[in-house]
């Protein structure tokens, strides 16, 4: 399990603010935001190429 730090979540949300708002994700719904963050992290991991 990845240790998601609050700062990382805030940075992620800031970087993807427009995209998240287009999905009408409420900023006060932390469970949903964390899930979006974790899903994004998981997808990024699956696309990563290790040398």
N, C-alpha and C. Protein backbone atom coordinates (compact mmCIF):
# COMPACT_ATOMS: atom_id res chain seq x y z
N UNK A 1 0.85 -1.20 0.00
CA UNK A 1 0.00 0.00 0.00
C UNK A 1 0.88 1.25 0.00
N UNK A 2 0.50 2.21 -0.79
CA UNK A 2 1.27 3.44 -0.88
C UNK A 2 0.88 4.38 0.26
N UNK A 3 1.87 4.99 0.88
CA UNK A 3 1.60 5.95 1.94
C UNK A 3 1.34 7.30 1.29
N UNK A 4 0.07 7.69 1.26
CA UNK A 4 -0.30 8.94 0.62
C UNK A 4 -0.25 10.07 1.64
N UNK A 5 0.68 10.97 1.42
CA UNK A 5 0.80 12.10 2.34
C UNK A 5 -0.12 13.22 1.91
N UNK A 6 -0.62 13.96 2.87
CA UNK A 6 -1.57 15.04 2.60
C UNK A 6 -1.00 16.04 1.60
N UNK A 7 0.28 16.35 1.72
CA UNK A 7 0.91 17.30 0.80
C UNK A 7 0.85 16.79 -0.63
N UNK A 8 1.15 15.50 -0.81
CA UNK A 8 1.11 14.90 -2.14
C UNK A 8 -0.28 14.99 -2.74
N UNK A 9 -1.28 14.74 -1.92
CA UNK A 9 -2.67 14.81 -2.38
C UNK A 9 -2.99 16.23 -2.81
N UNK A 10 -2.57 17.21 -2.00
CA UNK A 10 -2.84 18.62 -2.33
C UNK A 10 -2.16 19.02 -3.65
N UNK A 11 -0.92 18.58 -3.83
CA UNK A 11 -0.19 18.88 -5.06
C UNK A 11 -0.90 18.25 -6.25
N UNK A 12 -1.29 16.99 -6.08
CA UNK A 12 -1.98 16.28 -7.16
C UNK A 12 -3.28 16.99 -7.51
N UNK A 13 -4.05 17.37 -6.49
CA UNK A 13 -5.33 18.02 -6.73
C UNK A 13 -5.14 19.36 -7.42
N UNK A 14 -4.09 20.07 -7.01
CA UNK A 14 -3.82 21.37 -7.64
C UNK A 14 -3.46 21.19 -9.11
N UNK A 15 -2.63 20.21 -9.40
CA UNK A 15 -2.19 19.96 -10.77
C UNK A 15 -3.34 19.50 -11.67
N UNK A 16 -4.31 18.81 -11.08
CA UNK A 16 -5.41 18.24 -11.88
C UNK A 16 -6.75 18.92 -11.58
N UNK A 17 -6.65 20.16 -11.07
CA UNK A 17 -7.85 20.86 -10.63
C UNK A 17 -8.92 20.95 -11.72
N UNK A 18 -8.53 21.41 -12.90
CA UNK A 18 -9.50 21.57 -13.99
C UNK A 18 -10.12 20.23 -14.38
N UNK A 19 -9.28 19.22 -14.46
CA UNK A 19 -9.76 17.89 -14.84
C UNK A 19 -10.74 17.35 -13.80
N UNK A 20 -10.39 17.52 -12.54
CA UNK A 20 -11.26 17.03 -11.47
C UNK A 20 -12.58 17.79 -11.46
N UNK A 21 -12.51 19.11 -11.69
CA UNK A 21 -13.74 19.90 -11.69
C UNK A 21 -14.64 19.51 -12.85
N UNK A 22 -14.03 19.06 -13.95
CA UNK A 22 -14.84 18.65 -15.09
C UNK A 22 -15.63 17.39 -14.75
N UNK A 23 -15.16 16.64 -13.76
CA UNK A 23 -15.89 15.46 -13.30
C UNK A 23 -16.84 15.84 -12.16
N UNK A 24 -16.85 17.11 -11.82
CA UNK A 24 -17.68 17.63 -10.73
C UNK A 24 -17.40 16.92 -9.40
N UNK A 25 -16.12 16.75 -9.13
CA UNK A 25 -15.72 16.16 -7.86
C UNK A 25 -15.72 17.27 -6.82
N UNK A 26 -16.44 17.05 -5.74
CA UNK A 26 -16.50 18.07 -4.70
C UNK A 26 -15.21 18.05 -3.88
N UNK A 27 -14.67 19.24 -3.66
CA UNK A 27 -13.39 19.32 -2.95
C UNK A 27 -13.47 18.84 -1.51
N UNK A 28 -14.68 18.90 -0.92
CA UNK A 28 -14.78 18.48 0.48
C UNK A 28 -15.04 16.98 0.61
N UNK A 29 -15.12 16.29 -0.50
CA UNK A 29 -15.32 14.84 -0.46
C UNK A 29 -13.96 14.16 -0.52
N UNK A 30 -13.30 14.09 0.63
CA UNK A 30 -11.92 13.60 0.66
C UNK A 30 -11.79 12.15 0.25
N UNK A 31 -12.78 11.34 0.56
CA UNK A 31 -12.72 9.93 0.19
C UNK A 31 -12.64 9.78 -1.32
N UNK A 32 -13.49 10.52 -2.03
CA UNK A 32 -13.48 10.45 -3.49
C UNK A 32 -12.18 10.99 -4.05
N UNK A 33 -11.71 12.09 -3.50
CA UNK A 33 -10.47 12.70 -4.00
C UNK A 33 -9.30 11.76 -3.79
N UNK A 34 -9.26 11.12 -2.64
CA UNK A 34 -8.17 10.19 -2.35
C UNK A 34 -8.24 9.01 -3.31
N UNK A 35 -9.46 8.55 -3.61
CA UNK A 35 -9.62 7.44 -4.55
C UNK A 35 -9.15 7.86 -5.94
N UNK A 36 -9.51 9.05 -6.36
CA UNK A 36 -9.07 9.56 -7.66
C UNK A 36 -7.55 9.63 -7.69
N UNK A 37 -6.97 10.11 -6.59
CA UNK A 37 -5.51 10.20 -6.49
C UNK A 37 -4.87 8.82 -6.58
N UNK A 38 -5.41 7.88 -5.81
CA UNK A 38 -4.84 6.53 -5.79
C UNK A 38 -4.98 5.85 -7.14
N UNK A 39 -6.14 6.04 -7.79
CA UNK A 39 -6.35 5.46 -9.12
C UNK A 39 -5.35 6.04 -10.11
N UNK A 40 -5.13 7.33 -10.02
CA UNK A 40 -4.17 7.99 -10.90
C UNK A 40 -2.76 7.48 -10.66
N UNK A 41 -2.44 7.28 -9.39
CA UNK A 41 -1.11 6.78 -9.01
C UNK A 41 -0.93 5.36 -9.55
N UNK A 42 -1.98 4.56 -9.43
CA UNK A 42 -1.94 3.17 -9.90
C UNK A 42 -1.76 3.13 -11.41
N UNK A 43 -2.46 4.00 -12.11
CA UNK A 43 -2.35 4.04 -13.57
C UNK A 43 -0.96 4.49 -13.99
N UNK A 44 -0.43 5.48 -13.30
CA UNK A 44 0.91 5.98 -13.61
C UNK A 44 1.93 4.86 -13.41
N UNK A 45 1.75 4.09 -12.34
CA UNK A 45 2.64 2.96 -12.05
C UNK A 45 2.57 1.93 -13.16
N UNK A 46 1.36 1.63 -13.62
CA UNK A 46 1.20 0.59 -14.63
C UNK A 46 1.80 1.00 -15.97
N UNK A 47 1.92 2.32 -16.18
CA UNK A 47 2.49 2.81 -17.43
C UNK A 47 4.00 3.04 -17.35
N UNK A 48 4.51 3.00 -16.12
CA UNK A 48 5.93 3.27 -15.92
C UNK A 48 6.80 2.19 -16.56
N UNK A 49 7.90 2.62 -17.14
CA UNK A 49 8.83 1.67 -17.74
C UNK A 49 10.08 1.61 -16.86
N UNK A 50 10.43 0.41 -16.45
CA UNK A 50 11.59 0.25 -15.59
C UNK A 50 12.77 -0.26 -16.40
N UNK A 51 13.90 0.40 -16.25
CA UNK A 51 15.09 -0.01 -16.99
C UNK A 51 16.04 -0.76 -16.07
